[in-house]
Amino acid sequence: MIEFKVGEDEFRAGKLNAIDQLKLARRIGPAMARSASVELITFMRASREPGFVLGIDDVVKVIPSFMRAVEGLSDEDVEVITLTALSAVAKKDRVTQGWAPVVVRTPDGRMTMAFADLDGSTALQIAYRVLGDNLGNFFSGSGSPLNPAGSVPA
């Protein structure tokens, strides 16, 4: 489990189950393989370290690389990737100090955002952090499924 802040809000993210990790890797893997940058791979490695803090400098460095990596994805892929990543996240209530899920399921089983005040930029930063924590092993390190040689793209 990782805890982090985005702006003034605190978040806690758990691990996605193995099937959700595989589904996400299948959807985002080809895009990452085509356009991942050194900054993106380095960030994904660092985000798995204990005590990692997501700073504004990190966001400025990696969000453009992340956006290039996902620009060719369909709207459906983006929605599945984002909602699945955010399904592992809870937001801390500033008043009660309790935690509430960022994504909830509707009665018909669809996932939807639980907080109307969570904007796209914040959702992207949170999802990116969850993806780094859950999929980092797929994209970096020797012997990883999507990077068997352990190379970092130039």
Protein backbone atom coordinates (compact mmCIF):
# COMPACT_ATOMS: atom_id res chain seq x y z
CA MET A 1 0.00 0.00 0.00
CA ILE A 2 1.23 3.47 -0.83
CA GLU A 3 0.10 6.81 0.56
CA PHE A 4 0.68 10.10 -1.23
CA LYS A 5 -0.63 13.64 -1.65
CA VAL A 6 -1.85 15.38 -4.76
CA GLY A 7 -2.40 19.03 -4.00
CA GLU A 8 -3.99 19.26 -0.56
CA ASP A 9 -5.62 15.83 -0.70
CA GLU A 10 -4.21 12.59 0.69
CA PHE A 11 -4.65 9.28 -1.11
CA ARG A 12 -3.98 5.65 -0.29
CA ALA A 13 -3.57 3.07 -3.03
CA GLY A 14 -3.54 -0.68 -2.62
CA LYS A 15 -2.38 -3.30 -5.06
CA LEU A 16 -4.58 -4.32 -7.95
CA ASN A 17 -5.23 -8.03 -8.22
CA ALA A 18 -3.13 -10.01 -10.70
CA ILE A 19 -5.91 -10.22 -13.31
CA ASP A 20 -6.49 -6.45 -13.28
CA GLN A 21 -2.72 -5.90 -13.55
CA LEU A 22 -2.57 -8.20 -16.59
CA LYS A 23 -5.57 -6.48 -18.20
CA LEU A 24 -3.95 -3.08 -17.72
CA ALA A 25 -0.57 -4.26 -19.00
CA ARG A 26 -2.27 -5.72 -22.09
CA ARG A 27 -4.01 -2.42 -22.83
CA ILE A 28 -1.15 -0.04 -22.06
CA GLY A 29 1.84 -2.26 -22.91
CA PRO A 30 1.92 -1.69 -26.67
CA ALA A 31 1.70 2.09 -26.21
CA MET A 32 4.47 2.03 -23.60
CA ALA A 33 6.67 -0.12 -25.83
CA ARG A 34 6.22 2.32 -28.73
CA SER A 35 6.85 5.57 -26.95
CA ALA A 36 8.15 5.17 -23.40
CA SER A 37 10.87 7.62 -22.45
CA VAL A 38 13.81 7.37 -20.11
CA GLU A 39 11.98 9.72 -17.71
CA LEU A 40 8.89 7.52 -17.71
CA ILE A 41 10.77 4.27 -17.09
CA THR A 42 12.94 5.90 -14.42
CA PHE A 43 9.86 7.28 -12.67
CA MET A 44 8.10 3.90 -12.75
CA ARG A 45 11.14 2.31 -11.10
CA ALA A 46 11.43 5.07 -8.46
CA SER A 47 7.70 5.05 -7.64
CA ARG A 48 8.01 1.52 -6.28
CA GLU A 49 10.59 2.58 -3.67
CA PRO A 50 9.44 3.04 -0.06
CA GLY A 51 9.02 6.68 0.86
CA PHE A 52 8.72 7.87 -2.75
CA VAL A 53 7.12 11.30 -2.88
CA LEU A 54 5.45 12.56 -6.04
CA GLY A 55 6.67 16.12 -6.47
CA ILE A 56 5.65 18.75 -8.98
CA ASP A 57 9.03 18.30 -10.71
CA ASP A 58 8.19 14.63 -11.25
CA VAL A 59 4.81 15.52 -12.71
CA VAL A 60 6.31 18.10 -15.06
CA LYS A 61 8.92 15.58 -16.26
CA VAL A 62 6.77 12.52 -16.75
CA ILE A 63 3.22 13.58 -17.60
CA PRO A 64 4.19 14.64 -21.16
CA SER A 65 5.89 11.26 -21.69
CA PHE A 66 2.87 9.47 -20.27
CA MET A 67 0.53 11.44 -22.51
CA ARG A 68 2.64 10.58 -25.59
CA ALA A 69 2.51 6.93 -24.57
CA VAL A 70 -1.30 6.86 -24.34
CA GLU A 71 -2.25 9.26 -27.15
CA GLY A 72 -3.09 6.43 -29.54
CA LEU A 73 -5.33 4.57 -27.11
CA SER A 74 -9.07 4.43 -27.72
CA ASP A 75 -11.44 6.26 -25.38
CA GLU A 76 -12.56 2.86 -24.07
CA ASP A 77 -8.96 1.88 -23.26
CA VAL A 78 -8.35 5.19 -21.47
CA GLU A 79 -11.53 4.76 -19.44
CA VAL A 80 -10.74 1.16 -18.48
CA ILE A 81 -7.13 2.00 -17.60
CA THR A 82 -8.05 5.07 -15.55
CA LEU A 83 -11.03 3.59 -13.70
CA THR A 84 -9.24 0.31 -12.99
CA ALA A 85 -6.20 2.16 -11.62
CA LEU A 86 -8.39 4.48 -9.54
CA SER A 87 -10.39 1.52 -8.21
CA ALA A 88 -7.41 0.73 -5.96
CA VAL A 89 -7.44 4.22 -4.43
CA ALA A 90 -9.10 5.81 -1.40
CA LYS A 91 -9.20 9.53 -0.58
CA LYS A 92 -8.85 10.84 2.97
CA ASP A 93 -11.71 13.03 4.19
CA ARG A 94 -10.26 16.22 5.64
CA VAL A 95 -12.99 16.48 8.29
CA THR A 96 -13.58 12.92 9.48
CA GLN A 97 -10.07 11.66 8.60
CA GLY A 98 -11.76 8.53 7.22
CA TRP A 99 -11.01 6.99 3.84
CA ALA A 100 -13.48 6.67 0.96
CA PRO A 101 -13.01 4.90 -2.39
CA VAL A 102 -12.32 7.14 -5.37
CA VAL A 103 -14.23 4.80 -7.69
CA VAL A 104 -17.50 3.06 -6.87
CA ARG A 105 -19.65 0.54 -8.72
CA THR A 106 -23.10 1.52 -9.89
CA PRO A 107 -26.03 -0.91 -9.37
CA ASP A 108 -25.50 -2.18 -12.94
CA GLY A 109 -21.83 -2.97 -12.21
CA ARG A 110 -20.16 -0.05 -14.02
CA MET A 111 -17.30 1.80 -12.36
CA THR A 112 -17.73 5.55 -11.84
CA MET A 113 -15.93 8.37 -10.05
CA ALA A 114 -17.12 8.94 -6.48
CA PHE A 115 -15.86 12.53 -6.18
CA ALA A 116 -17.22 15.22 -8.49
CA ASP A 117 -14.45 17.61 -7.41
CA LEU A 118 -11.65 15.30 -8.59
CA ASP A 119 -10.50 16.89 -11.84
CA GLY A 120 -8.81 15.24 -14.82
CA SER A 121 -5.32 16.40 -13.92
CA THR A 122 -5.60 15.01 -10.41
CA ALA A 123 -7.12 11.74 -11.66
CA LEU A 124 -4.26 11.40 -14.16
CA GLN A 125 -1.62 11.96 -11.47
CA ILE A 126 -3.26 9.39 -9.19
CA ALA A 127 -3.70 6.83 -11.97
CA TYR A 128 -0.09 7.33 -13.06
CA ARG A 129 1.11 6.65 -9.54
CA VAL A 130 -1.02 3.49 -9.27
CA LEU A 131 0.17 2.28 -12.69
CA GLY A 132 3.79 2.83 -11.68
CA ASP A 133 3.30 0.90 -8.45
CA ASN A 134 1.33 -1.95 -10.03
CA LEU A 135 2.85 -2.25 -13.50
CA GLY A 136 6.43 -1.12 -12.97
CA ASN A 137 7.65 -4.71 -13.06
CA PHE A 138 6.07 -5.19 -16.48
CA PHE A 139 8.00 -2.32 -18.06
CA SER A 140 11.34 -2.12 -16.29
CA GLY A 141 13.95 -4.40 -14.89
CA SER A 142 15.71 -7.36 -16.36
CA GLY A 143 13.40 -10.21 -17.18
CA SER A 144 10.18 -8.21 -16.97
CA PRO A 145 7.41 -9.50 -19.27
CA LEU A 146 7.39 -6.39 -21.48
CA ASN A 147 11.10 -5.59 -21.22
CA PRO A 148 12.97 -8.91 -21.12
CA ALA A 149 16.37 -7.35 -21.74
CA GLY A 150 15.87 -4.78 -18.97
CA SER A 151 16.74 -1.98 -21.36
CA VAL A 152 15.70 1.63 -21.04
CA PRO A 153 14.63 3.24 -24.31
CA ALA A 154 16.79 6.08 -25.61
